[in-house]
Amino acid sequence: MATTTNITTTYAGEFAGKYVSAALLSADTIEGGGITIKPNVKFKEVIKTMNLDAIVADATCDFSDTSTLTLAEKVIQPTELQVNLELCKKDFRSDWEAIEMGYSAFDQLPSNFADYMIGYVAAKVAAKTEQTIWQGAAATAGEFDGFNALLLADASVIDVVGTTITAANVITELGKVVDAIPAALYGKEDLYVYVSQNVARAYVRALGGFGANGLGGNGVASNGTTWYNGGDLAFDGVKLFVCSGIADNDMVAAQKSNLFFGTGLLSDSQEVRLLDMSDLDGSDNVRVVMRYTAGVQIGIGADIVYYT
């Protein structure tokens, strides 16, 4: 059965040659380099973790072994996912791009629409991937367990009880997260506080001043609410990483090297195939197909702060 297609446009003059869609979330956790990518995982891959307790002791004349070495592992198993759409070319013959389909009864999808569909589907998958990386649940079709589920299930993760974030309390709440970061991690190059968009917006507004909890009457560099024009954010020396997929009011402090995204071929999640079925089964359908694998895993839970 073909994918339901609703065409509500009317022809009015020459088509401008461009389709405009609503803004989509991109998989910014991946694209922004906020996570360690493990490609070429066909089925499962083991992530080894190692921990030593105190290793320095008072010197003696004899060899006396010290410390305890603990080896553990986490398994990352990407989930197989797919996109299957079926469009009937008949639905487009009465539309304003029908001329691009040709005059033959054995016609094709409008080329502009085909190009747009490929980009649109890929972008929708990126948005879904970003959301699932953080909020996914394996019990939900088309998802895998995201970091939220993994962090909640790991008793060694440092939990911080959160609240609704506003410009009035964001600096206090960010302080709770940074204060909970283990001393051994503070100052590490790949340490980030991953924040939701509403936390980032509240922080930007707080730094703009003009409030009891802002930085002075005029905010950063006395520029008021115009101080921020994009770019990097930091708090108490720790870089902030804004993720579209994190739930509102959530924050995670972790090293990039302790968060993993596993997949088969990275190119799979960027490849959208349009298959004209007329030569195969004589139908008037075009199928849109994607197949890819994706999954996430954490390394050492005790090195992660989870504010929720």
Protein backbone atom coordinates (compact mmCIF):
# COMPACT_ATOMS: atom_id res chain seq x y z
CA MET A 1 0.00 0.00 0.00
CA ALA A 2 1.47 3.33 -1.05
CA THR A 3 2.39 6.02 1.48
CA THR A 4 -0.53 8.45 1.81
CA THR A 5 0.25 11.58 -0.21
CA ASN A 6 -1.68 14.79 0.33
CA ILE A 7 -1.12 17.50 -2.31
CA THR A 8 -2.87 20.72 -1.32
CA THR A 9 -1.12 23.19 -3.63
CA THR A 10 -2.60 24.91 -6.69
CA TYR A 11 -0.77 26.03 -9.82
CA ALA A 12 -0.21 29.78 -10.01
CA GLY A 13 2.49 30.82 -12.45
CA GLU A 14 5.92 29.37 -13.05
CA PHE A 15 7.34 27.17 -10.31
CA ALA A 16 10.30 28.82 -8.60
CA GLY A 17 12.32 25.60 -8.53
CA LYS A 18 12.72 25.33 -4.78
CA TYR A 19 10.92 23.49 -2.01
CA VAL A 20 10.89 25.01 1.44
CA SER A 21 10.44 22.80 4.52
CA ALA A 22 10.17 23.49 8.21
CA ALA A 23 13.47 23.77 10.07
CA LEU A 24 14.72 20.38 11.17
CA LEU A 25 16.87 19.32 14.05
CA SER A 26 20.22 18.06 12.84
CA ALA A 27 22.12 15.32 14.59
CA ASP A 28 24.26 17.98 16.20
CA THR A 29 25.68 15.70 18.90
CA ILE A 30 27.39 13.78 16.10
CA GLU A 31 28.00 16.61 13.64
CA GLY A 32 29.39 18.89 16.34
CA GLY A 33 31.90 16.28 17.48
CA GLY A 34 30.38 15.84 20.93
CA ILE A 35 30.58 12.07 20.99
CA THR A 36 33.07 9.32 20.18
CA ILE A 37 32.02 7.57 16.97
CA LYS A 38 32.75 3.87 16.57
CA PRO A 39 32.08 2.93 12.92
CA ASN A 40 32.16 -0.50 11.28
CA VAL A 41 30.32 -2.26 14.11
CA LYS A 42 28.63 -5.13 12.28
CA PHE A 43 26.90 -6.71 15.29
CA LYS A 44 28.47 -5.93 18.67
CA GLU A 45 31.62 -4.28 19.94
CA VAL A 46 33.06 -4.49 23.44
CA ILE A 47 34.22 -1.28 25.13
CA LYS A 48 36.89 -2.13 27.70
CA THR A 49 37.13 -0.13 30.92
CA MET A 50 39.98 -0.27 33.44
CA ASN A 51 40.35 1.16 36.93
CA LEU A 52 43.20 1.14 39.47
CA ASP A 53 42.81 2.14 43.09
CA ALA A 54 45.71 3.60 45.14
CA ILE A 55 49.03 2.53 43.57
CA VAL A 56 51.62 4.46 45.62
CA ALA A 57 52.86 2.98 48.92
CA ASP A 58 55.70 3.54 51.38
CA ALA A 59 59.00 2.12 50.11
CA THR A 60 60.47 -1.07 51.61
CA CYS A 61 63.38 -3.36 50.72
CA ASP A 62 61.03 -5.97 49.32
CA PHE A 63 58.68 -6.09 46.36
CA SER A 64 55.14 -5.82 47.66
CA ASP A 65 52.38 -5.57 45.12
CA THR A 66 49.87 -2.80 45.68
CA SER A 67 46.54 -1.71 44.33
CA THR A 68 43.70 -3.58 42.69
CA LEU A 69 43.15 -3.56 38.95
CA THR A 70 39.52 -3.79 37.92
CA LEU A 71 38.72 -4.65 34.32
CA ALA A 72 35.17 -4.35 33.06
CA GLU A 73 33.39 -3.93 29.76
CA LYS A 74 30.39 -2.37 28.13
CA VAL A 75 28.85 -3.70 24.93
CA ILE A 76 27.58 -1.46 22.16
CA GLN A 77 25.12 -3.15 19.84
CA PRO A 78 23.71 -0.89 17.11
CA THR A 79 20.04 -1.37 16.28
CA GLU A 80 19.01 -2.05 12.69
CA LEU A 81 16.70 0.71 11.44
CA GLN A 82 15.00 1.52 8.15
CA VAL A 83 12.88 4.02 6.26
CA ASN A 84 10.35 2.71 3.71
CA LEU A 85 8.12 5.08 1.74
CA GLU A 86 6.13 4.38 -1.41
CA LEU A 87 4.88 7.19 -3.65
CA CYS A 88 2.51 6.77 -6.57
CA LYS A 89 3.49 8.83 -9.60
CA LYS A 90 -0.18 9.23 -10.46
CA ASP A 91 -0.56 11.59 -7.50
CA PHE A 92 1.83 14.07 -9.16
CA ARG A 93 0.41 14.11 -12.70
CA SER A 94 -2.14 16.78 -11.81
CA ASP A 95 0.32 18.80 -9.75
CA TRP A 96 2.17 21.91 -10.95
CA GLU A 97 5.35 19.96 -11.76
CA ALA A 98 3.65 17.44 -14.03
CA ILE A 99 5.50 18.75 -17.09
CA GLU A 100 8.79 17.52 -15.59
CA MET A 101 7.45 13.98 -15.52
CA GLY A 102 7.39 13.80 -19.30
CA TYR A 103 4.51 13.10 -21.67
CA SER A 104 4.88 9.32 -21.79
CA ALA A 105 2.62 7.10 -19.71
CA PHE A 106 5.89 5.62 -18.38
CA ASP A 107 6.83 8.82 -16.59
CA GLN A 108 9.10 9.66 -13.66
CA LEU A 109 8.86 11.66 -10.48
CA PRO A 110 9.57 15.38 -10.98
CA SER A 111 13.33 15.78 -10.67
CA ASN A 112 13.02 18.76 -8.32
CA PHE A 113 10.77 16.77 -6.04
CA ALA A 114 13.03 13.69 -6.17
CA ASP A 115 16.08 15.76 -5.16
CA TYR A 116 14.15 17.45 -2.41
CA MET A 117 12.74 14.17 -1.11
CA ILE A 118 16.23 12.69 -0.76
CA GLY A 119 17.46 15.66 1.28
CA TYR A 120 14.27 15.89 3.31
CA VAL A 121 14.27 12.20 4.31
CA ALA A 122 17.97 12.33 5.26
CA ALA A 123 17.32 15.41 7.41
CA LYS A 124 14.33 13.78 9.11
CA VAL A 125 16.49 10.76 9.95
CA ALA A 126 19.19 13.06 11.37
CA ALA A 127 16.59 14.73 13.58
CA LYS A 128 15.27 11.39 14.81
CA THR A 129 18.79 10.12 15.46
CA GLU A 130 19.65 13.20 17.55
CA GLN A 131 16.55 12.74 19.67
CA THR A 132 17.08 9.00 20.09
CA ILE A 133 20.75 9.41 21.08
CA TRP A 134 19.55 11.11 24.25
CA GLN A 135 15.92 10.17 24.86
CA GLY A 136 15.51 6.92 22.95
CA ALA A 137 13.89 3.78 24.38
CA ALA A 138 14.53 0.35 22.88
CA ALA A 139 10.90 -0.58 23.54
CA THR A 140 9.77 2.12 21.10
CA ALA A 141 9.74 1.17 17.41
CA GLY A 142 12.50 2.90 15.44
CA GLU A 143 14.57 3.72 18.53
CA PHE A 144 17.38 2.35 20.69
CA ASP A 145 18.16 3.03 24.35
CA GLY A 146 19.56 6.56 24.54
CA PHE A 147 21.87 8.06 27.12
CA ASN A 148 18.98 8.96 29.44
CA ALA A 149 18.00 5.30 29.78
CA LEU A 150 21.61 4.15 30.15
CA LEU A 151 22.45 6.77 32.78
CA LEU A 152 19.34 6.01 34.83
CA ALA A 153 20.16 2.29 34.77
CA ASP A 154 23.78 2.75 35.93
CA ALA A 155 23.97 3.07 39.72
CA SER A 156 27.53 4.43 39.55
CA VAL A 157 26.48 7.59 37.68
CA ILE A 158 26.56 10.76 39.81
CA ASP A 159 22.94 11.92 39.99
CA VAL A 160 21.95 15.53 40.64
CA VAL A 161 18.31 16.31 41.31
CA GLY A 162 17.14 19.00 38.94
CA THR A 163 14.38 21.53 38.61
CA THR A 164 12.78 23.66 35.90
CA ILE A 165 15.51 25.91 34.49
CA THR A 166 14.94 29.64 34.12
CA ALA A 167 17.18 32.65 33.62
CA ALA A 168 16.84 33.30 37.34
CA ASN A 169 18.23 29.94 38.50
CA VAL A 170 20.34 28.64 35.60
CA ILE A 171 23.66 29.80 37.06
CA THR A 172 22.91 28.10 40.37
CA GLU A 173 21.83 24.88 38.67
CA LEU A 174 24.83 24.79 36.32
CA GLY A 175 26.95 25.27 39.43
CA LYS A 176 25.47 22.11 40.94
CA VAL A 177 26.53 20.12 37.88
CA VAL A 178 30.08 21.49 37.80
CA ASP A 179 30.46 21.03 41.57
CA ALA A 180 29.56 17.35 41.17
CA ILE A 181 32.23 16.68 38.51
CA PRO A 182 34.98 14.46 39.99
CA ALA A 183 38.20 16.38 40.64
CA ALA A 184 40.17 14.05 38.37
CA LEU A 185 38.03 15.11 35.39
CA TYR A 186 37.86 18.87 35.92
CA GLY A 187 40.05 20.60 33.35
CA LYS A 188 40.15 17.68 30.90
CA GLU A 189 40.22 18.85 27.29
CA ASP A 190 37.24 16.74 26.18
CA LEU A 191 35.05 17.47 29.20
CA TYR A 192 31.69 19.03 28.37
CA VAL A 193 28.45 19.86 30.08
CA TYR A 194 25.84 18.75 27.54
CA VAL A 195 22.75 20.92 27.91
CA SER A 196 19.31 21.18 26.36
CA GLN A 197 18.31 24.18 24.30
CA ASN A 198 16.16 25.68 27.03
CA VAL A 199 19.11 25.59 29.46
CA ALA A 200 21.36 27.29 26.90
CA ARG A 201 18.78 30.01 26.21
CA ALA A 202 18.30 30.66 29.92
CA TYR A 203 22.07 30.92 30.42
CA VAL A 204 22.47 33.36 27.52
CA ARG A 205 19.67 35.51 28.93
CA ALA A 206 21.13 35.43 32.43
CA LEU A 207 24.49 36.64 31.12
CA GLY A 208 22.70 39.50 29.40
CA GLY A 209 22.05 41.11 32.78
CA PHE A 210 19.10 43.38 33.52
CA GLY A 211 18.00 41.10 36.34
CA ALA A 212 18.76 40.22 39.93
CA ASN A 213 20.59 37.07 38.80
CA GLY A 214 22.29 38.54 35.74
CA LEU A 215 25.87 39.76 35.53
CA GLY A 216 25.42 43.37 36.48
CA GLY A 217 23.01 45.81 34.94
CA ASN A 218 24.39 45.49 31.42
CA GLY A 219 25.58 41.92 31.30
CA VAL A 220 28.64 40.59 29.49
CA ALA A 221 30.90 43.37 28.17
CA SER A 222 28.07 45.79 28.99
CA ASN A 223 26.26 44.67 25.83
CA GLY A 224 23.05 43.65 27.55
CA THR A 225 20.92 41.09 25.77
CA THR A 226 22.76 41.70 22.49
CA TRP A 227 26.02 40.22 23.82
CA TYR A 228 25.53 36.77 22.26
CA ASN A 229 25.80 36.21 18.50
CA GLY A 230 26.31 32.47 18.49
CA GLY A 231 29.55 30.67 19.19
CA ASP A 232 30.83 28.65 22.11
CA LEU A 233 29.57 28.85 25.67
CA ALA A 234 31.37 27.88 28.88
CA PHE A 235 30.64 27.82 32.59
CA ASP A 236 33.30 27.84 35.31
CA GLY A 237 35.91 26.77 32.79
CA VAL A 238 33.86 23.86 31.42
CA LYS A 239 32.65 24.00 27.82
CA LEU A 240 28.90 23.74 27.19
CA PHE A 241 27.64 21.57 24.34
CA VAL A 242 24.10 22.42 23.25
CA CYS A 243 22.21 19.34 22.04
CA SER A 244 18.83 19.50 20.35
CA GLY A 245 18.04 15.95 21.45
CA ILE A 246 18.41 16.41 25.21
CA ALA A 247 15.14 16.79 27.10
CA ASP A 248 14.34 20.21 28.51
CA ASN A 249 15.99 20.91 31.88
CA ASP A 250 18.45 18.00 31.54
CA MET A 251 22.24 18.28 31.70
CA VAL A 252 25.05 15.74 31.46
CA ALA A 253 28.68 16.37 32.41
CA ALA A 254 31.00 13.86 30.75
CA GLN A 255 34.08 13.44 28.62
CA LYS A 256 33.52 12.97 24.92
CA SER A 257 35.77 9.93 25.17
CA ASN A 258 33.31 8.36 27.63
CA LEU A 259 30.25 8.60 25.36
CA PHE A 260 30.03 6.33 22.32
CA PHE A 261 27.93 6.16 19.16
CA GLY A 262 28.17 2.92 17.21
CA THR A 263 27.11 2.25 13.65
CA GLY A 264 27.95 0.08 10.66
CA LEU A 265 28.92 2.41 7.83
CA LEU A 266 28.56 6.11 8.56
CA SER A 267 27.50 6.64 4.95
CA ASP A 268 24.47 4.36 5.44
CA SER A 269 22.67 7.01 7.50
CA GLN A 270 23.27 9.55 4.72
CA GLU A 271 22.19 7.40 1.76
CA VAL A 272 18.61 7.65 0.54
CA ARG A 273 17.64 5.50 -2.42
CA LEU A 274 14.76 6.23 -4.81
CA LEU A 275 13.66 3.08 -6.63
CA ASP A 276 11.32 3.38 -9.63
CA MET A 277 9.30 0.17 -9.50
CA SER A 278 7.82 0.41 -13.02
CA ASP A 279 10.61 -1.67 -14.56
CA LEU A 280 10.45 -4.25 -11.79
CA ASP A 281 6.78 -4.95 -11.14
CA GLY A 282 4.98 -2.78 -13.69
CA SER A 283 3.51 -0.56 -10.99
CA ASP A 284 3.41 3.24 -10.99
CA ASN A 285 5.19 3.47 -7.63
CA VAL A 286 8.48 4.94 -6.50
CA ARG A 287 9.99 3.65 -3.26
CA VAL A 288 12.16 5.68 -0.91
CA VAL A 289 14.48 3.41 1.06
CA MET A 290 17.05 3.82 3.85
CA ARG A 291 18.77 1.14 5.93
CA TYR A 292 21.28 1.86 8.67
CA THR A 293 22.33 0.88 12.18
CA ALA A 294 22.80 3.07 15.26
CA GLY A 295 23.27 2.75 19.01
CA VAL A 296 24.95 4.45 21.97
CA GLN A 297 26.81 3.34 25.08
CA ILE A 298 28.58 4.92 28.04
CA GLY A 299 31.99 3.94 29.37
CA ILE A 300 32.63 4.60 33.07
CA GLY A 301 29.42 5.66 34.79
CA ALA A 302 31.21 7.06 37.86
CA ASP A 303 32.79 9.70 35.60
CA ILE A 304 29.44 11.09 34.45
CA VAL A 305 27.17 13.62 36.16
CA TYR A 306 23.49 13.40 35.25
CA TYR A 307 21.21 16.32 36.13
CA THR A 308 17.53 15.61 35.58
